[in-house]
């Protein structure tokens, strides 16, 4: 069964449902952070910076650029903050 309708969550709803989310635009830049993740990261927030310069992709290990990351849509990813073990 497929649902042919789609719905988008606003920033407030997304932050309430997923407080550790990272919003990324198609150019690979960070557009939003959930409140818990923002608190952990401190200031200044990396809004507008490249996702792969702030976060390290641990799995899959073969991804080296944002286009390859987009190709992983629907797969489980493991990320961490760059420079944090």
C-alpha atoms as a PDB file:
ATOM      1  CA  UNK A   1       0.000   0.000   0.000  1.00  0.00           C
ATOM      2  CA  UNK A   2       1.418   3.354  -0.984  1.00  0.00           C
ATOM      3  CA  UNK A   3       0.321   6.736   0.180  1.00  0.00           C
ATOM      4  CA  UNK A   4       0.262   9.223  -2.673  1.00  0.00           C
ATOM      5  CA  UNK A   5       0.028  12.219  -0.367  1.00  0.00           C
ATOM      6  CA  UNK A   6       2.984  13.711   1.394  1.00  0.00           C
ATOM      7  CA  UNK A   7       3.162  16.082   4.277  1.00  0.00           C
ATOM      8  CA  UNK A   8       5.942  18.290   5.449  1.00  0.00           C
ATOM      9  CA  UNK A   9       6.678  19.056   9.059  1.00  0.00           C
ATOM     10  CA  UNK A  10       7.334  22.614  10.067  1.00  0.00           C
ATOM     11  CA  UNK A  11      10.496  23.439  11.979  1.00  0.00           C
ATOM     12  CA  UNK A  12       8.672  23.520  15.322  1.00  0.00           C
ATOM     13  CA  UNK A  13       7.044  20.115  14.835  1.00  0.00           C
ATOM     14  CA  UNK A  14      10.280  18.586  13.571  1.00  0.00           C
ATOM     15  CA  UNK A  15      12.156  19.898  16.607  1.00  0.00           C
ATOM     16  CA  UNK A  16       9.547  18.469  18.975  1.00  0.00           C
ATOM     17  CA  UNK A  17       9.492  15.049  17.317  1.00  0.00           C
ATOM     18  CA  UNK A  18      13.223  14.776  16.620  1.00  0.00           C
ATOM     19  CA  UNK A  19      15.247  17.017  18.943  1.00  0.00           C
ATOM     20  CA  UNK A  20      18.560  15.725  17.527  1.00  0.00           C
ATOM     21  CA  UNK A  21      17.726  16.264  13.840  1.00  0.00           C
ATOM     22  CA  UNK A  22      19.967  17.940  11.280  1.00  0.00           C
ATOM     23  CA  UNK A  23      18.309  19.664   8.330  1.00  0.00           C
ATOM     24  CA  UNK A  24      20.449  19.730   5.188  1.00  0.00           C
ATOM     25  CA  UNK A  25      19.672  21.387   1.836  1.00  0.00           C
ATOM     26  CA  UNK A  26      20.411  19.809  -1.543  1.00  0.00           C
ATOM     27  CA  UNK A  27      23.714  21.702  -1.696  1.00  0.00           C
ATOM     28  CA  UNK A  28      24.846  19.879   1.462  1.00  0.00           C
ATOM     29  CA  UNK A  29      24.638  22.856   3.829  1.00  0.00           C
ATOM     30  CA  UNK A  30      23.089  22.683   7.291  1.00  0.00           C
ATOM     31  CA  UNK A  31      19.753  24.485   7.413  1.00  0.00           C
ATOM     32  CA  UNK A  32      18.492  23.569  10.884  1.00  0.00           C
ATOM     33  CA  UNK A  33      19.336  21.710  14.066  1.00  0.00           C
ATOM     34  CA  UNK A  34      17.089  20.167  16.669  1.00  0.00           C
ATOM     35  CA  UNK A  35      17.216  21.911  20.052  1.00  0.00           C
ATOM     36  CA  UNK A  36      19.055  19.112  21.848  1.00  0.00           C
ATOM     37  CA  UNK A  37      21.728  18.865  19.167  1.00  0.00           C
ATOM     38  CA  UNK A  38      22.073  22.661  19.083  1.00  0.00           C
ATOM     39  CA  UNK A  39      22.579  22.680  22.844  1.00  0.00           C
ATOM     40  CA  UNK A  40      25.255  19.980  22.604  1.00  0.00           C
ATOM     41  CA  UNK A  41      27.081  21.847  19.842  1.00  0.00           C
ATOM     42  CA  UNK A  42      27.087  25.207  21.588  1.00  0.00           C
ATOM     43  CA  UNK A  43      27.619  28.466  19.775  1.00  0.00           C
ATOM     44  CA  UNK A  44      28.153  29.530  17.130  1.00  0.00           C
ATOM     45  CA  UNK A  45      25.744  27.143  15.435  1.00  0.00           C
ATOM     46  CA  UNK A  46      26.952  25.764  12.092  1.00  0.00           C
ATOM     47  CA  UNK A  47      23.902  26.918  10.104  1.00  0.00           C
ATOM     48  CA  UNK A  48      24.991  27.420   6.493  1.00  0.00           C
ATOM     49  CA  UNK A  49      28.135  25.323   6.823  1.00  0.00           C
ATOM     50  CA  UNK A  50      28.735  22.127   4.862  1.00  0.00           C
ATOM     51  CA  UNK A  51      27.323  19.053   6.594  1.00  0.00           C
ATOM     52  CA  UNK A  52      30.385  16.910   5.885  1.00  0.00           C
ATOM     53  CA  UNK A  53      32.724  19.552   7.348  1.00  0.00           C
ATOM     54  CA  UNK A  54      30.882  19.467  10.691  1.00  0.00           C
ATOM     55  CA  UNK A  55      29.840  15.811  10.903  1.00  0.00           C
ATOM     56  CA  UNK A  56      31.914  12.685  10.307  1.00  0.00           C
ATOM     57  CA  UNK A  57      30.125   9.826   8.604  1.00  0.00           C
ATOM     58  CA  UNK A  58      31.088   6.602  10.353  1.00  0.00           C
ATOM     59  CA  UNK A  59      28.832   4.242   8.386  1.00  0.00           C
ATOM     60  CA  UNK A  60      28.757   3.698   5.507  1.00  0.00           C
ATOM     61  CA  UNK A  61      32.500   4.183   5.292  1.00  0.00           C
ATOM     62  CA  UNK A  62      32.554   4.570   1.504  1.00  0.00           C
ATOM     63  CA  UNK A  63      30.866   7.998   1.401  1.00  0.00           C
ATOM     64  CA  UNK A  64      33.300  10.810   0.595  1.00  0.00           C
ATOM     65  CA  UNK A  65      31.025  13.587  -0.720  1.00  0.00           C
ATOM     66  CA  UNK A  66      27.479  14.873  -0.437  1.00  0.00           C
ATOM     67  CA  UNK A  67      26.239  13.277  -3.678  1.00  0.00           C
ATOM     68  CA  UNK A  68      27.279   9.878  -2.338  1.00  0.00           C
ATOM     69  CA  UNK A  69      25.499  10.685   0.915  1.00  0.00           C
ATOM     70  CA  UNK A  70      22.300  11.513  -1.000  1.00  0.00           C
ATOM     71  CA  UNK A  71      22.540   8.126  -2.704  1.00  0.00           C
ATOM     72  CA  UNK A  72      22.248   6.560   0.774  1.00  0.00           C
ATOM     73  CA  UNK A  73      18.679   7.843   1.216  1.00  0.00           C
ATOM     74  CA  UNK A  74      16.671   5.363   3.254  1.00  0.00           C
ATOM     75  CA  UNK A  75      19.737   3.655   4.716  1.00  0.00           C
ATOM     76  CA  UNK A  76      20.822   3.769   8.320  1.00  0.00           C
ATOM     77  CA  UNK A  77      23.678   6.224   8.838  1.00  0.00           C
ATOM     78  CA  UNK A  78      26.045   6.618  11.755  1.00  0.00           C
ATOM     79  CA  UNK A  79      27.402  10.123  12.207  1.00  0.00           C
ATOM     80  CA  UNK A  80      29.367  11.972  14.835  1.00  0.00           C
ATOM     81  CA  UNK A  81      30.616  15.499  15.257  1.00  0.00           C
ATOM     82  CA  UNK A  82      33.952  15.952  13.506  1.00  0.00           C
ATOM     83  CA  UNK A  83      36.818  15.919  15.939  1.00  0.00           C
ATOM     84  CA  UNK A  84      34.748  14.177  18.637  1.00  0.00           C
ATOM     85  CA  UNK A  85      35.596  10.506  19.316  1.00  0.00           C
END
